[in-house]
Amino acid sequence: MRPLGLVGILLIVCGAVVLALRGISYTKERQEVAVGPLEVAAERKGFIPPAAGVVAIVVGLGLLIVDRQRRR
C-alpha cells in the first residue's frame, strides 16, 4: 500500500476514535506560579468536536479511493 492509502487509513481510525469518544478534550497550556506557600495554576483547554471525526473519516475514504484509482 502506498503512503496515500496509509494516511487515509490513519485518518479513518482517528476519526472513528473521536466519534466513539464523542469528542476529545485536551490541555493546551498550563502555567503555574508559586509565591511563597501560595500556588496558582491556570490551564487553557481545547476540544476536538465529533464533527472533526466525521470530516477525518470522509477525507480518509477519499484518500483511499484516490489511491485505488492511481494503482490501476
Protein backbone atom coordinates (compact mmCIF):
# COMPACT_ATOMS: atom_id res chain seq x y z
CA MET A 1 0.00 0.00 0.00
CA ARG A 2 1.24 3.49 -0.83
CA PRO A 3 1.64 6.34 1.68
CA LEU A 4 -1.59 7.95 0.44
CA GLY A 5 -3.55 4.83 1.40
CA LEU A 6 -1.84 4.62 4.79
CA VAL A 7 -2.69 8.24 5.56
CA GLY A 8 -6.29 7.51 4.57
CA ILE A 9 -6.48 4.55 6.95
CA LEU A 10 -4.90 6.60 9.74
CA LEU A 11 -7.46 9.37 9.25
CA ILE A 12 -10.33 6.89 9.31
CA VAL A 13 -9.09 5.29 12.55
CA CYS A 14 -8.52 8.66 14.25
CA GLY A 15 -11.93 9.91 13.10
CA ALA A 16 -13.60 6.79 14.45
CA VAL A 17 -11.90 7.27 17.83
CA VAL A 18 -13.08 10.89 18.02
CA LEU A 19 -16.63 9.80 17.19
CA ALA A 20 -16.57 6.93 19.67
CA LEU A 21 -15.44 9.24 22.46
CA ARG A 22 -17.90 11.98 21.41
CA GLY A 23 -15.04 14.45 21.11
CA ILE A 24 -11.67 14.71 22.78
CA SER A 25 -10.66 17.38 25.27
CA TYR A 26 -7.03 18.25 25.89
CA THR A 27 -4.92 20.79 27.77
CA LYS A 28 -3.21 23.36 25.54
CA GLU A 29 -1.01 25.06 28.08
CA ARG A 30 -0.57 25.02 31.80
CA GLN A 31 1.01 27.82 33.80
CA GLU A 32 1.91 27.59 37.44
CA VAL A 33 3.07 30.39 39.69
CA ALA A 34 4.37 29.79 43.20
CA VAL A 35 4.73 32.73 45.57
CA GLY A 36 5.78 31.50 48.98
CA PRO A 37 3.23 28.99 50.24
CA LEU A 38 0.67 30.02 47.59
CA GLU A 39 0.45 28.24 44.25
CA VAL A 40 -1.75 29.38 41.39
CA ALA A 41 -2.31 27.30 38.27
CA ALA A 42 -4.01 28.29 35.04
CA GLU A 43 -4.94 25.89 32.26
CA ARG A 44 -6.19 26.52 28.76
CA LYS A 45 -8.23 23.64 27.46
CA GLY A 46 -9.15 22.68 23.93
CA PHE A 47 -11.76 20.37 22.46
CA ILE A 48 -11.90 18.35 19.23
CA PRO A 49 -15.60 18.09 18.32
CA PRO A 50 -17.20 14.95 16.86
CA ALA A 51 -17.76 16.81 13.58
CA ALA A 52 -13.97 16.79 13.09
CA GLY A 53 -14.12 12.99 13.36
CA VAL A 54 -16.71 12.85 10.59
CA VAL A 55 -14.56 15.10 8.40
CA ALA A 56 -11.49 12.92 9.06
CA ILE A 57 -13.39 9.78 8.06
CA VAL A 58 -14.69 11.37 4.84
CA VAL A 59 -11.23 12.66 3.88
CA GLY A 60 -9.69 9.27 4.71
CA LEU A 61 -12.19 7.48 2.50
CA GLY A 62 -11.47 9.95 -0.28
CA LEU A 63 -7.74 9.27 0.01
CA LEU A 64 -8.33 5.52 -0.17
CA ILE A 65 -10.44 5.92 -3.31
CA VAL A 66 -7.79 8.11 -4.95
CA ASP A 67 -5.09 5.59 -4.00
CA ARG A 68 -7.01 2.72 -5.58
CA GLN A 69 -7.64 4.66 -8.78
CA ARG A 70 -3.95 5.54 -9.08
CA ARG A 71 -2.96 1.88 -8.84
CA ARG A 72 -4.91 0.97 -11.99
